[in-house]
């Protein structure tokens, strides 16, 4: 978990950002 934290955080932020942009016109 600790070793994957960096990648997980980046992926999560990118995913949430994409969802937010898609949800908000």
PDB file of N, CA and C in Angstrom:
ATOM      1  N   UNK A   1       0.849  -1.199   0.000  1.00  0.00           N
ATOM      2  CA  UNK A   1       0.000   0.000   0.000  1.00  0.00           C
ATOM      3  C   UNK A   1       0.884   1.247   0.000  1.00  0.00           C
ATOM      4  N   UNK A   2       1.857   1.268   0.869  1.00  0.00           N
ATOM      5  CA  UNK A   2       2.729   2.432   0.985  1.00  0.00           C
ATOM      6  C   UNK A   2       3.501   2.663  -0.313  1.00  0.00           C
ATOM      7  N   UNK A   3       3.935   1.581  -0.945  1.00  0.00           N
ATOM      8  CA  UNK A   3       4.733   1.704  -2.159  1.00  0.00           C
ATOM      9  C   UNK A   3       3.896   2.201  -3.334  1.00  0.00           C
ATOM     10  N   UNK A   4       2.595   1.933  -3.277  1.00  0.00           N
ATOM     11  CA  UNK A   4       1.714   2.320  -4.367  1.00  0.00           C
ATOM     12  C   UNK A   4       0.988   3.638  -4.099  1.00  0.00           C
ATOM     13  N   UNK A   5       1.273   4.243  -2.951  1.00  0.00           N
ATOM     14  CA  UNK A   5       0.560   5.465  -2.566  1.00  0.00           C
ATOM     15  C   UNK A   5       0.670   6.544  -3.648  1.00  0.00           C
ATOM     16  N   UNK A   6       1.879   6.811  -4.101  1.00  0.00           N
ATOM     17  CA  UNK A   6       2.091   7.858  -5.093  1.00  0.00           C
ATOM     18  C   UNK A   6       1.247   7.649  -6.338  1.00  0.00           C
ATOM     19  N   UNK A   7       1.334   6.448  -6.907  1.00  0.00           N
ATOM     20  CA  UNK A   7       0.586   6.148  -8.130  1.00  0.00           C
ATOM     21  C   UNK A   7      -0.910   6.210  -7.867  1.00  0.00           C
ATOM     22  N   UNK A   8      -1.309   5.701  -6.706  1.00  0.00           N
ATOM     23  CA  UNK A   8      -2.740   5.684  -6.371  1.00  0.00           C
ATOM     24  C   UNK A   8      -3.276   7.103  -6.256  1.00  0.00           C
ATOM     25  N   UNK A   9      -2.533   7.965  -5.576  1.00  0.00           N
ATOM     26  CA  UNK A   9      -2.975   9.350  -5.404  1.00  0.00           C
ATOM     27  C   UNK A   9      -3.111  10.030  -6.763  1.00  0.00           C
ATOM     28  N   UNK A  10      -2.116   9.874  -7.598  1.00  0.00           N
ATOM     29  CA  UNK A  10      -2.148  10.508  -8.920  1.00  0.00           C
ATOM     30  C   UNK A  10      -3.334   9.997  -9.725  1.00  0.00           C
ATOM     31  N   UNK A  11      -3.529   8.683  -9.700  1.00  0.00           N
ATOM     32  CA  UNK A  11      -4.639   8.089 -10.453  1.00  0.00           C
ATOM     33  C   UNK A  11      -5.971   8.584  -9.928  1.00  0.00           C
ATOM     34  N   UNK A  12      -6.087   8.625  -8.593  1.00  0.00           N
ATOM     35  CA  UNK A  12      -7.346   9.054  -7.978  1.00  0.00           C
ATOM     36  C   UNK A  12      -7.658  10.497  -8.350  1.00  0.00           C
ATOM     37  N   UNK A  13      -6.653  11.365  -8.234  1.00  0.00           N
ATOM     38  CA  UNK A  13      -6.864  12.780  -8.553  1.00  0.00           C
ATOM     39  C   UNK A  13      -7.253  12.934 -10.022  1.00  0.00           C
ATOM     40  N   UNK A  14      -6.552  12.232 -10.889  1.00  0.00           N
ATOM     41  CA  UNK A  14      -6.835  12.331 -12.318  1.00  0.00           C
ATOM     42  C   UNK A  14      -8.243  11.839 -12.621  1.00  0.00           C
ATOM     43  N   UNK A  15      -8.617  10.738 -11.982  1.00  0.00           N
ATOM     44  CA  UNK A  15      -9.953  10.172 -12.210  1.00  0.00           C
ATOM     45  C   UNK A  15     -11.026  11.128 -11.711  1.00  0.00           C
ATOM     46  N   UNK A  16     -10.842  11.637 -10.500  1.00  0.00           N
ATOM     47  CA  UNK A  16     -11.836  12.554  -9.936  1.00  0.00           C
ATOM     48  C   UNK A  16     -11.931  13.815 -10.781  1.00  0.00           C
ATOM     49  N   UNK A  17     -10.797  14.299 -11.261  1.00  0.00           N
ATOM     50  CA  UNK A  17     -10.793  15.505 -12.082  1.00  0.00           C
ATOM     51  C   UNK A  17     -11.567  15.260 -13.372  1.00  0.00           C
ATOM     52  N   UNK A  18     -11.357  14.092 -13.962  1.00  0.00           N
ATOM     53  CA  UNK A  18     -12.056  13.764 -15.206  1.00  0.00           C
ATOM     54  C   UNK A  18     -13.555  13.671 -14.964  1.00  0.00           C
ATOM     55  N   UNK A  19     -13.939  13.027 -13.867  1.00  0.00           N
ATOM     56  CA  UNK A  19     -15.360  12.883 -13.543  1.00  0.00           C
ATOM     57  C   UNK A  19     -15.972  14.265 -13.297  1.00  0.00           C
ATOM     58  N   UNK A  20     -15.253  15.100 -12.564  1.00  0.00           N
ATOM     59  CA  UNK A  20     -15.774  16.428 -12.241  1.00  0.00           C
ATOM     60  C   UNK A  20     -15.967  17.245 -13.519  1.00  0.00           C
ATOM     61  N   UNK A  21     -15.000  17.174 -14.418  1.00  0.00           N
ATOM     62  CA  UNK A  21     -15.108  17.931 -15.664  1.00  0.00           C
ATOM     63  C   UNK A  21     -16.259  17.410 -16.513  1.00  0.00           C
ATOM     64  N   UNK A  22     -16.458  16.094 -16.484  1.00  0.00           N
ATOM     65  CA  UNK A  22     -17.532  15.498 -17.277  1.00  0.00           C
ATOM     66  C   UNK A  22     -18.888  15.820 -16.670  1.00  0.00           C
ATOM     67  N   UNK A  23     -18.941  15.856 -15.342  1.00  0.00           N
ATOM     68  CA  UNK A  23     -20.211  16.103 -14.659  1.00  0.00           C
ATOM     69  C   UNK A  23     -20.592  17.579 -14.746  1.00  0.00           C
ATOM     70  N   UNK A  24     -19.578  18.442 -14.723  1.00  0.00           N
ATOM     71  CA  UNK A  24     -19.861  19.874 -14.764  1.00  0.00           C
ATOM     72  C   UNK A  24     -19.656  20.421 -16.173  1.00  0.00           C
ATOM     73  N   UNK A  25     -20.718  20.851 -16.822  1.00  0.00           N
ATOM     74  CA  UNK A  25     -20.648  21.364 -18.200  1.00  0.00           C
ATOM     75  C   UNK A  25     -19.926  22.702 -18.272  1.00  0.00           C
TER      76      UNK A  25
END
